[in-house]
Amino acid sequence: PDNFSCYWRDCGWDSPIDAGDLIRHVFFHAFHARIKLEGYKKQQEM
């Protein structure tokens, strides 16, 4: 889409090369959210 900007909060990424680049970026947010939670759990446990 024209003038695309990532909807993920506090991201603002707006320069996808193609649809694949956009898909990788969005899925990486999901992965990043998971490992941030893993880090938070470890921080609380220790």
ModelCIF file with pLDDT and N, C-alpha, C, O atoms, coordinates in Angstrom:
data_MODEL
#
_entry.id   MODEL 
#
_entity.id                         1 
_entity.type                       polymer 
_entity.pdbx_number_of_molecules   1 
#
_entity_poly.entity_id                      1 
_entity_poly.type                           'polypeptide(L)' 
_entity_poly.nstd_linkage                   no 
_entity_poly.nstd_monomer                   no 
_entity_poly.pdbx_seq_one_letter_code       PDNFSCYWRDCGWDSPIDAGDLIRHVFFHAFHARIKLEGYKKQQEM 
_entity_poly.pdbx_seq_one_letter_code_can   PDNFSCYWRDCGWDSPIDAGDLIRHVFFHAFHARIKLEGYKKQQEM 
_entity_poly.pdbx_strand_id                 A 
#
loop_
_entity_poly_seq.entity_id 
_entity_poly_seq.num 
_entity_poly_seq.mon_id 
_entity_poly_seq.hetero 
1 1  PRO n 
1 2  ASP n 
1 3  ASN n 
1 4  PHE n 
1 5  SER n 
1 6  CYS n 
1 7  TYR n 
1 8  TRP n 
1 9  ARG n 
1 10 ASP n 
1 11 CYS n 
1 12 GLY n 
1 13 TRP n 
1 14 ASP n 
1 15 SER n 
1 16 PRO n 
1 17 ILE n 
1 18 ASP n 
1 19 ALA n 
1 20 GLY n 
1 21 ASP n 
1 22 LEU n 
1 23 ILE n 
1 24 ARG n 
1 25 HIS n 
1 26 VAL n 
1 27 PHE n 
1 28 PHE n 
1 29 HIS n 
1 30 ALA n 
1 31 PHE n 
1 32 HIS n 
1 33 ALA n 
1 34 ARG n 
1 35 ILE n 
1 36 LYS n 
1 37 LEU n 
1 38 GLU n 
1 39 GLY n 
1 40 TYR n 
1 41 LYS n 
1 42 LYS n 
1 43 GLN n 
1 44 GLN n 
1 45 GLU n 
1 46 MET n 
#
_struct_asym.id          A 
_struct_asym.entity_id   1 
#
loop_
_ma_qa_metric.id 
_ma_qa_metric.mode 
_ma_qa_metric.name 
_ma_qa_metric.software_group_id 
_ma_qa_metric.type 
1 global pLDDT . pLDDT 
2 local  pLDDT . pLDDT 
#
_ma_qa_metric_global.metric_id      1 
_ma_qa_metric_global.metric_value   87.13 
_ma_qa_metric_global.model_id       1 
_ma_qa_metric_global.ordinal_id     1 
#
loop_
_ma_qa_metric_local.label_asym_id 
_ma_qa_metric_local.label_comp_id 
_ma_qa_metric_local.label_seq_id 
_ma_qa_metric_local.metric_id 
_ma_qa_metric_local.metric_value 
_ma_qa_metric_local.model_id 
_ma_qa_metric_local.ordinal_id 
A PRO 1  2 81.00 1 1  
A ASP 2  2 77.00 1 2  
A ASN 3  2 76.00 1 3  
A PHE 4  2 80.00 1 4  
A SER 5  2 83.00 1 5  
A CYS 6  2 87.00 1 6  
A TYR 7  2 88.00 1 7  
A TRP 8  2 89.00 1 8  
A ARG 9  2 86.00 1 9  
A ASP 10 2 84.00 1 10 
A CYS 11 2 83.00 1 11 
A GLY 12 2 77.00 1 12 
A TRP 13 2 81.00 1 13 
A ASP 14 2 77.00 1 14 
A SER 15 2 74.00 1 15 
A PRO 16 2 81.00 1 16 
A ILE 17 2 81.00 1 17 
A ASP 18 2 84.00 1 18 
A ALA 19 2 86.00 1 19 
A GLY 20 2 87.00 1 20 
A ASP 21 2 87.00 1 21 
A LEU 22 2 90.00 1 22 
A ILE 23 2 90.00 1 23 
A ARG 24 2 90.00 1 24 
A HIS 25 2 91.00 1 25 
A VAL 26 2 90.00 1 26 
A PHE 27 2 91.00 1 27 
A PHE 28 2 93.00 1 28 
A HIS 29 2 92.00 1 29 
A ALA 30 2 91.00 1 30 
A PHE 31 2 93.00 1 31 
A HIS 32 2 93.00 1 32 
A ALA 33 2 92.00 1 33 
A ARG 34 2 92.00 1 34 
A ILE 35 2 93.00 1 35 
A LYS 36 2 93.00 1 36 
A LEU 37 2 92.00 1 37 
A GLU 38 2 92.00 1 38 
A GLY 39 2 92.00 1 39 
A TYR 40 2 92.00 1 40 
A LYS 41 2 91.00 1 41 
A LYS 42 2 91.00 1 42 
A GLN 43 2 89.00 1 43 
A GLN 44 2 89.00 1 44 
A GLU 45 2 90.00 1 45 
A MET 46 2 87.00 1 46 
#
loop_
_atom_site.group_PDB 
_atom_site.id 
_atom_site.type_symbol 
_atom_site.label_atom_id 
_atom_site.label_alt_id 
_atom_site.label_comp_id 
_atom_site.label_asym_id 
_atom_site.label_entity_id 
_atom_site.label_seq_id 
_atom_site.pdbx_PDB_ins_code 
_atom_site.Cartn_x 
_atom_site.Cartn_y 
_atom_site.Cartn_z 
_atom_site.occupancy 
_atom_site.B_iso_or_equiv 
_atom_site.pdbx_formal_charge 
_atom_site.auth_seq_id 
_atom_site.auth_comp_id 
_atom_site.auth_asym_id 
_atom_site.auth_atom_id 
_atom_site.pdbx_PDB_model_num 
ATOM 1   N N  . PRO A 1 1  ? 0.833  -1.213  0.000  1.00 81.00 ? 1  PRO A N  1 
ATOM 2   C CA . PRO A 1 1  ? 0.000  0.000   0.000  1.00 81.00 ? 1  PRO A CA 1 
ATOM 3   C C  . PRO A 1 1  ? 0.868  1.263   0.000  1.00 81.00 ? 1  PRO A C  1 
ATOM 4   O O  . PRO A 1 1  ? 1.961  1.277   0.566  1.00 81.00 ? 1  PRO A O  1 
ATOM 5   N N  . ASP A 1 2  ? 0.369  2.311   -0.636 1.00 77.00 ? 2  ASP A N  1 
ATOM 6   C CA . ASP A 1 2  ? 1.086  3.591   -0.645 1.00 77.00 ? 2  ASP A CA 1 
ATOM 7   C C  . ASP A 1 2  ? 1.198  4.133   0.775  1.00 77.00 ? 2  ASP A C  1 
ATOM 8   O O  . ASP A 1 2  ? 0.291  3.980   1.593  1.00 77.00 ? 2  ASP A O  1 
ATOM 9   N N  . ASN A 1 3  ? 2.335  4.771   1.045  1.00 76.00 ? 3  ASN A N  1 
ATOM 10  C CA . ASN A 1 3  ? 2.576  5.422   2.343  1.00 76.00 ? 3  ASN A CA 1 
ATOM 11  C C  . ASN A 1 3  ? 2.398  4.463   3.523  1.00 76.00 ? 3  ASN A C  1 
ATOM 12  O O  . ASN A 1 3  ? 1.907  4.845   4.585  1.00 76.00 ? 3  ASN A O  1 
ATOM 13  N N  . PHE A 1 4  ? 2.811  3.205   3.309  1.00 80.00 ? 4  PHE A N  1 
ATOM 14  C CA . PHE A 1 4  ? 2.691  2.233   4.404  1.00 80.00 ? 4  PHE A CA 1 
ATOM 15  C C  . PHE A 1 4  ? 3.596  2.606   5.564  1.00 80.00 ? 4  PHE A C  1 
ATOM 16  O O  . PHE A 1 4  ? 4.739  3.016   5.361  1.00 80.00 ? 4  PHE A O  1 
ATOM 17  N N  . SER A 1 5  ? 3.087  2.464   6.781  1.00 83.00 ? 5  SER A N  1 
ATOM 18  C CA . SER A 1 5  ? 3.872  2.618   7.999  1.00 83.00 ? 5  SER A CA 1 
ATOM 19  C C  . SER A 1 5  ? 3.427  1.544   8.967  1.00 83.00 ? 5  SER A C  1 
ATOM 20  O O  . SER A 1 5  ? 2.228  1.357   9.174  1.00 83.00 ? 5  SER A O  1 
ATOM 21  N N  . CYS A 1 6  ? 4.367  0.837   9.562  1.00 87.00 ? 6  CYS A N  1 
ATOM 22  C CA . CYS A 1 6  ? 4.045  -0.290  10.446 1.00 87.00 ? 6  CYS A CA 1 
ATOM 23  C C  . CYS A 1 6  ? 3.122  0.153   11.577 1.00 87.00 ? 6  CYS A C  1 
ATOM 24  O O  . CYS A 1 6  ? 3.361  1.168   12.231 1.00 87.00 ? 6  CYS A O  1 
ATOM 25  N N  . TYR A 1 7  ? 2.061  -0.628  11.795 1.00 88.00 ? 7  TYR A N  1 
ATOM 26  C CA . TYR A 1 7  ? 1.066  -0.296  12.805 1.00 88.00 ? 7  TYR A CA 1 
ATOM 27  C C  . TYR A 1 7  ? 1.495  -0.692  14.215 1.00 88.00 ? 7  TYR A C  1 
ATOM 28  O O  . TYR A 1 7  ? 0.846  -0.319  15.192 1.00 88.00 ? 7  TYR A O  1 
ATOM 29  N N  . TRP A 1 8  ? 2.585  -1.446  14.322 1.00 89.00 ? 8  TRP A N  1 
ATOM 30  C CA . TRP A 1 8  ? 3.022  -1.886  15.654 1.00 89.00 ? 8  TRP A CA 1 
ATOM 31  C C  . TRP A 1 8  ? 3.452  -0.663  16.462 1.00 89.00 ? 8  TRP A C  1 
ATOM 32  O O  . TRP A 1 8  ? 4.206  0.178   15.971 1.00 89.00 ? 8  TRP A O  1 
ATOM 33  N N  . ARG A 1 9  ? 2.980  -0.569  17.680 1.00 86.00 ? 9  ARG A N  1 
ATOM 34  C CA . ARG A 1 9  ? 3.205  0.626   18.493 1.00 86.00 ? 9  ARG A CA 1 
ATOM 35  C C  . ARG A 1 9  ? 4.697  0.904   18.695 1.00 86.00 ? 9  ARG A C  1 
ATOM 36  O O  . ARG A 1 9  ? 5.492  -0.002  18.948 1.00 86.00 ? 9  ARG A O  1 
ATOM 37  N N  . ASP A 1 10 ? 5.042  2.172   18.576 1.00 84.00 ? 10 ASP A N  1 
ATOM 38  C CA . ASP A 1 10 ? 6.423  2.646   18.769 1.00 84.00 ? 10 ASP A CA 1 
ATOM 39  C C  . ASP A 1 10 ? 7.398  2.006   17.794 1.00 84.00 ? 10 ASP A C  1 
ATOM 40  O O  . ASP A 1 10 ? 8.574  1.827   18.111 1.00 84.00 ? 10 ASP A O  1 
ATOM 41  N N  . CYS A 1 11 ? 6.909  1.661   16.607 1.00 83.00 ? 11 CYS A N  1 
ATOM 42  C CA . CYS A 1 11 ? 7.802  1.115   15.582 1.00 83.00 ? 11 CYS A CA 1 
ATOM 43  C C  . CYS A 1 11 ? 8.060  2.164   14.506 1.00 83.00 ? 11 CYS A C  1 
ATOM 44  O O  . CYS A 1 11 ? 9.162  2.708   14.427 1.00 83.00 ? 11 CYS A O  1 
ATOM 45  N N  . GLY A 1 12 ? 7.050  2.455   13.672 1.00 77.00 ? 12 GLY A N  1 
ATOM 46  C CA . GLY A 1 12 ? 7.191  3.500   12.675 1.00 77.00 ? 12 GLY A CA 1 
ATOM 47  C C  . GLY A 1 12 ? 7.949  3.098   11.423 1.00 77.00 ? 12 GLY A C  1 
ATOM 48  O O  . GLY A 1 12 ? 8.213  3.947   10.572 1.00 77.00 ? 12 GLY A O  1 
ATOM 49  N N  . TRP A 1 13 ? 8.312  1.807   11.284 1.00 81.00 ? 13 TRP A N  1 
ATOM 50  C CA . TRP A 1 13 ? 9.032  1.340   10.086 1.00 81.00 ? 13 TRP A CA 1 
ATOM 51  C C  . TRP A 1 13 ? 8.170  1.592   8.851  1.00 81.00 ? 13 TRP A C  1 
ATOM 52  O O  . TRP A 1 13 ? 6.993  1.231   8.835  1.00 81.00 ? 13 TRP A O  1 
ATOM 53  N N  . ASP A 1 14 ? 8.742  2.205   7.825  1.00 77.00 ? 14 ASP A N  1 
ATOM 54  C CA . ASP A 1 14 ? 7.931  2.587   6.677  1.00 77.00 ? 14 ASP A CA 1 
ATOM 55  C C  . ASP A 1 14 ? 8.649  2.412   5.337  1.00 77.00 ? 14 ASP A C  1 
ATOM 56  O O  . ASP A 1 14 ? 8.363  3.133   4.381  1.00 77.00 ? 14 ASP A O  1 
ATOM 57  N N  . SER A 1 15 ? 9.581  1.457   5.267  1.00 74.00 ? 15 SER A N  1 
ATOM 58  C CA . SER A 1 15 ? 10.350 1.322   4.022  1.00 74.00 ? 15 SER A CA 1 
ATOM 59  C C  . SER A 1 15 ? 10.452 -0.118  3.532  1.00 74.00 ? 15 SER A C  1 
ATOM 60  O O  . SER A 1 15 ? 11.557 -0.598  3.278  1.00 74.00 ? 15 SER A O  1 
ATOM 61  N N  . PRO A 1 16 ? 9.308  -0.832  3.391  1.00 81.00 ? 16 PRO A N  1 
ATOM 62  C CA . PRO A 1 16 ? 9.387  -2.208  2.868  1.00 81.00 ? 16 PRO A CA 1 
ATOM 63  C C  . PRO A 1 16 ? 9.809  -2.226  1.409  1.00 81.00 ? 16 PRO A C  1 
ATOM 64  O O  . PRO A 1 16 ? 9.369  -1.391  0.619  1.00 81.00 ? 16 PRO A O  1 
ATOM 65  N N  . ILE A 1 17 ? 10.668 -3.184  1.049  1.00 81.00 ? 17 ILE A N  1 
ATOM 66  C CA . ILE A 1 17 ? 11.113 -3.333  -0.334 1.00 81.00 ? 17 ILE A CA 1 
ATOM 67  C C  . ILE A 1 17 ? 10.012 -3.967  -1.177 1.00 81.00 ? 17 ILE A C  1 
ATOM 68  O O  . ILE A 1 17 ? 9.757  -3.545  -2.305 1.00 81.00 ? 17 ILE A O  1 
ATOM 69  N N  . ASP A 1 18 ? 9.369  -4.977  -0.619 1.00 84.00 ? 18 ASP A N  1 
ATOM 70  C CA . ASP A 1 18 ? 8.289  -5.679  -1.304 1.00 84.00 ? 18 ASP A CA 1 
ATOM 71  C C  . ASP A 1 18 ? 7.410  -6.353  -0.261 1.00 84.00 ? 18 ASP A C  1 
ATOM 72  O O  . ASP A 1 18 ? 7.616  -6.171  0.939  1.00 84.00 ? 18 ASP A O  1 
ATOM 73  N N  . ALA A 1 19 ? 6.433  -7.129  -0.712 1.00 86.00 ? 19 ALA A N  1 
ATOM 74  C CA . ALA A 1 19 ? 5.510  -7.778  0.221  1.00 86.00 ? 19 ALA A CA 1 
ATOM 75  C C  . ALA A 1 19 ? 6.243  -8.731  1.160  1.00 86.00 ? 19 ALA A C  1 
ATOM 76  O O  . ALA A 1 19 ? 5.909  -8.811  2.342  1.00 86.00 ? 19 ALA A O  1 
ATOM 77  N N  . GLY A 1 20 ? 7.244  -9.457  0.644  1.00 87.00 ? 20 GLY A N  1 
ATOM 78  C CA . GLY A 1 20 ? 8.004  -10.383 1.497  1.00 87.00 ? 20 GLY A CA 1 
ATOM 79  C C  . GLY A 1 20 ? 8.724  -9.658  2.614  1.00 87.00 ? 20 GLY A C  1 
ATOM 80  O O  . GLY A 1 20 ? 8.754  -10.138 3.747  1.00 87.00 ? 20 GLY A O  1 
ATOM 81  N N  . ASP A 1 21 ? 9.304  -8.505  2.311  1.00 87.00 ? 21 ASP A N  1 
ATOM 82  C CA . ASP A 1 21 ? 9.993  -7.702  3.316  1.00 87.00 ? 21 ASP A CA 1 
ATOM 83  C C  . ASP A 1 21 ? 9.014  -7.271  4.400  1.00 87.00 ? 21 ASP A C  1 
ATOM 84  O O  . ASP A 1 21 ? 9.343  -7.310  5.586  1.00 87.00 ? 21 ASP A O  1 
ATOM 85  N N  . LEU A 1 22 ? 7.817  -6.862  4.002  1.00 90.00 ? 22 LEU A N  1 
ATOM 86  C CA . LEU A 1 22 ? 6.788  -6.452  4.960  1.00 90.00 ? 22 LEU A CA 1 
ATOM 87  C C  . LEU A 1 22 ? 6.364  -7.623  5.841  1.00 90.00 ? 22 LEU A C  1 
ATOM 88  O O  . LEU A 1 22 ? 6.219  -7.474  7.054  1.00 90.00 ? 22 LEU A O  1 
ATOM 89  N N  . ILE A 1 23 ? 6.166  -8.798  5.220  1.00 90.00 ? 23 ILE A N  1 
ATOM 90  C CA . ILE A 1 23 ? 5.753  -9.986  5.978  1.00 90.00 ? 23 ILE A CA 1 
ATOM 91  C C  . ILE A 1 23 ? 6.811  -10.367 7.014  1.00 90.00 ? 23 ILE A C  1 
ATOM 92  O O  . ILE A 1 23 ? 6.485  -10.675 8.160  1.00 90.00 ? 23 ILE A O  1 
ATOM 93  N N  . ARG A 1 24 ? 8.089  -10.344 6.600  1.00 90.00 ? 24 ARG A N  1 
ATOM 94  C CA . ARG A 1 24 ? 9.169  -10.688 7.539  1.00 90.00 ? 24 ARG A CA 1 
ATOM 95  C C  . ARG A 1 24 ? 9.183  -9.716  8.716  1.00 90.00 ? 24 ARG A C  1 
ATOM 96  O O  . ARG A 1 24 ? 9.366  -10.121 9.864  1.00 90.00 ? 24 ARG A O  1 
ATOM 97  N N  . HIS A 1 25 ? 8.988  -8.443  8.424  1.00 91.00 ? 25 HIS A N  1 
ATOM 98  C CA . HIS A 1 25 ? 8.999  -7.435  9.487  1.00 91.00 ? 25 HIS A CA 1 
ATOM 99  C C  . HIS A 1 25 ? 7.868  -7.687  10.490 1.00 91.00 ? 25 HIS A C  1 
ATOM 100 O O  . HIS A 1 25 ? 8.089  -7.661  11.701 1.00 91.00 ? 25 HIS A O  1 
ATOM 101 N N  . VAL A 1 26 ? 6.661  -7.931  9.980  1.00 90.00 ? 26 VAL A N  1 
ATOM 102 C CA . VAL A 1 26 ? 5.513  -8.131  10.867 1.00 90.00 ? 26 VAL A CA 1 
ATOM 103 C C  . VAL A 1 26 ? 5.689  -9.394  11.712 1.00 90.00 ? 26 VAL A C  1 
ATOM 104 O O  . VAL A 1 26 ? 5.425  -9.374  12.915 1.00 90.00 ? 26 VAL A O  1 
ATOM 105 N N  . PHE A 1 27 ? 6.132  -10.487 11.095 1.00 91.00 ? 27 PHE A N  1 
ATOM 106 C CA . PHE A 1 27 ? 6.334  -11.723 11.855 1.00 91.00 ? 27 PHE A CA 1 
ATOM 107 C C  . PHE A 1 27 ? 7.463  -11.577 12.874 1.00 91.00 ? 27 PHE A C  1 
ATOM 108 O O  . PHE A 1 27 ? 7.443  -12.220 13.923 1.00 91.00 ? 27 PHE A O  1 
ATOM 109 N N  . PHE A 1 28 ? 8.451  -10.728 12.561 1.00 93.00 ? 28 PHE A N  1 
ATOM 110 C CA . PHE A 1 28 ? 9.528  -10.543 13.525 1.00 93.00 ? 28 PHE A CA 1 
ATOM 111 C C  . PHE A 1 28 ? 9.024  -9.814  14.764 1.00 93.00 ? 28 PHE A C  1 
ATOM 112 O O  . PHE A 1 28 ? 9.566  -10.004 15.853 1.00 93.00 ? 28 PHE A O  1 
ATOM 113 N N  . HIS A 1 29 ? 7.989  -8.980  14.615 1.00 92.00 ? 29 HIS A N  1 
ATOM 114 C CA . HIS A 1 29 ? 7.380  -8.356  15.795 1.00 92.00 ? 29 HIS A CA 1 
ATOM 115 C C  . HIS A 1 29 ? 6.808  -9.428  16.716 1.00 92.00 ? 29 HIS A C  1 
ATOM 116 O O  . HIS A 1 29 ? 6.950  -9.347  17.936 1.00 92.00 ? 29 HIS A O  1 
ATOM 117 N N  . ALA A 1 30 ? 6.152  -10.446 16.120 1.00 91.00 ? 30 ALA A N  1 
ATOM 118 C CA . ALA A 1 30 ? 5.596  -11.535 16.934 1.00 91.00 ? 30 ALA A CA 1 
ATOM 119 C C  . ALA A 1 30 ? 6.712  -12.275 17.668 1.00 91.00 ? 30 ALA A C  1 
ATOM 120 O O  . ALA A 1 30 ? 6.612  -12.543 18.865 1.00 91.00 ? 30 ALA A O  1 
ATOM 121 N N  . PHE A 1 31 ? 7.774  -12.601 16.934 1.00 93.00 ? 31 PHE A N  1 
ATOM 122 C CA . PHE A 1 31 ? 8.914  -13.292 17.535 1.00 93.00 ? 31 PHE A CA 1 
ATOM 123 C C  . PHE A 1 31 ? 9.565  -12.425 18.615 1.00 93.00 ? 31 PHE A C  1 
ATOM 124 O O  . PHE A 1 31 ? 9.896  -12.917 19.694 1.00 93.00 ? 31 PHE A O  1 
ATOM 125 N N  . HIS A 1 32 ? 9.749  -11.132 18.322 1.00 93.00 ? 32 HIS A N  1 
ATOM 126 C CA . HIS A 1 32 ? 10.373 -10.210 19.262 1.00 93.00 ? 32 HIS A CA 1 
ATOM 127 C C  . HIS A 1 32 ? 9.546  -10.094 20.541 1.00 93.00 ? 32 HIS A C  1 
ATOM 128 O O  . HIS A 1 32 ? 10.101 -10.047 21.639 1.00 93.00 ? 32 HIS A O  1 
ATOM 129 N N  . ALA A 1 33 ? 8.208  -10.046 20.399 1.00 92.00 ? 33 ALA A N  1 
ATOM 130 C CA . ALA A 1 33 ? 7.335  -9.977  21.569 1.00 92.00 ? 33 ALA A CA 1 
ATOM 131 C C  . ALA A 1 33 ? 7.526  -11.205 22.457 1.00 92.00 ? 33 ALA A C  1 
ATOM 132 O O  . ALA A 1 33 ? 7.533  -11.096 23.684 1.00 92.00 ? 33 ALA A O  1 
ATOM 133 N N  . ARG A 1 34 ? 7.682  -12.378 21.830 1.00 92.00 ? 34 ARG A N  1 
ATOM 134 C CA . ARG A 1 34 ? 7.862  -13.603 22.612 1.00 92.00 ? 34 ARG A CA 1 
ATOM 135 C C  . ARG A 1 34 ? 9.181  -13.616 23.370 1.00 92.00 ? 34 ARG A C  1 
ATOM 136 O O  . ARG A 1 34 ? 9.199  -13.960 24.552 1.00 92.00 ? 34 ARG A O  1 
ATOM 137 N N  . ILE A 1 35 ? 10.285 -13.252 22.726 1.00 93.00 ? 35 ILE A N  1 
ATOM 138 C CA . ILE A 1 35 ? 11.573 -13.332 23.431 1.00 93.00 ? 35 ILE A CA 1 
ATOM 139 C C  . ILE A 1 35 ? 11.718 -12.181 24.434 1.00 93.00 ? 35 ILE A C  1 
ATOM 140 O O  . ILE A 1 35 ? 12.495 -12.291 25.383 1.00 93.00 ? 35 ILE A O  1 
ATOM 141 N N  . LYS A 1 36 ? 10.979 -11.079 24.237 1.00 93.00 ? 36 LYS A N  1 
ATOM 142 C CA . LYS A 1 36 ? 10.958 -10.046 25.281 1.00 93.00 ? 36 LYS A CA 1 
ATOM 143 C C  . LYS A 1 36 ? 10.272 -10.585 26.532 1.00 93.00 ? 36 LYS A C  1 
ATOM 144 O O  . LYS A 1 36 ? 10.710 -10.324 27.653 1.00 93.00 ? 36 LYS A O  1 
ATOM 145 N N  . LEU A 1 37 ? 9.199  -11.334 26.330 1.00 92.00 ? 37 LEU A N  1 
ATOM 146 C CA . LEU A 1 37 ? 8.512  -11.934 27.477 1.00 92.00 ? 37 LEU A CA 1 
ATOM 147 C C  . LEU A 1 37 ? 9.395  -12.982 28.145 1.00 92.00 ? 37 LEU A C  1 
ATOM 148 O O  . LEU A 1 37 ? 9.393  -13.096 29.371 1.00 92.00 ? 37 LEU A O  1 
ATOM 149 N N  . GLU A 1 38 ? 10.154 -13.753 27.353 1.00 92.00 ? 38 GLU A N  1 
ATOM 150 C CA . GLU A 1 38 ? 11.099 -14.715 27.928 1.00 92.00 ? 38 GLU A CA 1 
ATOM 151 C C  . GLU A 1 38 ? 12.148 -13.983 28.767 1.00 92.00 ? 38 GLU A C  1 
ATOM 152 O O  . GLU A 1 38 ? 12.524 -14.445 29.845 1.00 92.00 ? 38 GLU A O  1 
ATOM 153 N N  . GLY A 1 39 ? 12.617 -12.839 28.263 1.00 92.00 ? 39 GLY A N  1 
ATOM 154 C CA . GLY A 1 39 ? 13.581 -12.049 29.026 1.00 92.00 ? 39 GLY A CA 1 
ATOM 155 C C  . GLY A 1 39 ? 12.984 -11.514 30.309 1.00 92.00 ? 39 GLY A C  1 
ATOM 156 O O  . GLY A 1 39 ? 13.634 -11.525 31.355 1.00 92.00 ? 39 GLY A O  1 
ATOM 157 N N  . TYR A 1 40 ? 11.739 -11.041 30.235 1.00 92.00 ? 40 TYR A N  1 
ATOM 158 C CA . TYR A 1 40 ? 11.070 -10.528 31.431 1.00 92.00 ? 40 TYR A CA 1 
ATOM 159 C C  . TYR A 1 40 ? 10.898 -11.626 32.481 1.00 92.00 ? 40 TYR A C  1 
ATOM 160 O O  . TYR A 1 40 ? 11.113 -11.394 33.670 1.00 92.00 ? 40 TYR A O  1 
ATOM 161 N N  . LYS A 1 41 ? 10.511 -12.821 32.032 1.00 91.00 ? 41 LYS A N  1 
ATOM 162 C CA . LYS A 1 41 ? 10.364 -13.945 32.958 1.00 91.00 ? 41 LYS A CA 1 
ATOM 163 C C  . LYS A 1 41 ? 11.685 -14.263 33.648 1.00 91.00 ? 41 LYS A C  1 
ATOM 164 O O  . LYS A 1 41 ? 11.729 -14.465 34.862 1.00 91.00 ? 41 LYS A O  1 
ATOM 165 N N  . LYS A 1 42 ? 12.763 -14.306 32.863 1.00 91.00 ? 42 LYS A N  1 
ATOM 166 C CA . LYS A 1 42 ? 14.073 -14.612 33.427 1.00 91.00 ? 42 LYS A CA 1 
ATOM 167 C C  . LYS A 1 42 ? 14.501 -13.530 34.414 1.00 91.00 ? 42 LYS A C  1 
ATOM 168 O O  . LYS A 1 42 ? 15.071 -13.828 35.464 1.00 91.00 ? 42 LYS A O  1 
ATOM 169 N N  . GLN A 1 43 ? 14.228 -12.293 34.076 1.00 89.00 ? 43 GLN A N  1 
ATOM 170 C CA . GLN A 1 43 ? 14.576 -11.187 34.962 1.00 89.00 ? 43 GLN A CA 1 
ATOM 171 C C  . GLN A 1 43 ? 13.844 -11.300 36.295 1.00 89.00 ? 43 GLN A C  1 
ATOM 172 O O  . GLN A 1 43 ? 14.433 -11.073 37.351 1.00 89.00 ? 43 GLN A O  1 
ATOM 173 N N  . GLN A 1 44 ? 12.545 -11.654 36.246 1.00 89.00 ? 44 GLN A N  1 
ATOM 174 C CA . GLN A 1 44 ? 11.763 -11.806 37.467 1.00 89.00 ? 44 GLN A CA 1 
ATOM 175 C C  . GLN A 1 44 ? 12.221 -13.011 38.280 1.00 89.00 ? 44 GLN A C  1 
ATOM 176 O O  . GLN A 1 44 ? 12.324 -12.934 39.504 1.00 89.00 ? 44 GLN A O  1 
ATOM 177 N N  . GLU A 1 45 ? 12.495 -14.115 37.608 1.00 90.00 ? 45 GLU A N  1 
ATOM 178 C CA . GLU A 1 45 ? 12.938 -15.329 38.300 1.00 90.00 ? 45 GLU A CA 1 
ATOM 179 C C  . GLU A 1 45 ? 14.250 -15.106 39.040 1.00 90.00 ? 45 GLU A C  1 
ATOM 180 O O  . GLU A 1 45 ? 14.432 -15.601 40.152 1.00 90.00 ? 45 GLU A O  1 
ATOM 181 N N  . MET A 1 46 ? 15.172 -14.353 38.417 1.00 87.00 ? 46 MET A N  1 
ATOM 182 C CA . MET A 1 46 ? 16.492 -14.117 39.012 1.00 87.00 ? 46 MET A CA 1 
ATOM 183 C C  . MET A 1 46 ? 16.528 -12.869 39.887 1.00 87.00 ? 46 MET A C  1 
ATOM 184 O O  . MET A 1 46 ? 17.571 -12.543 40.454 1.00 87.00 ? 46 MET A O  1 
#
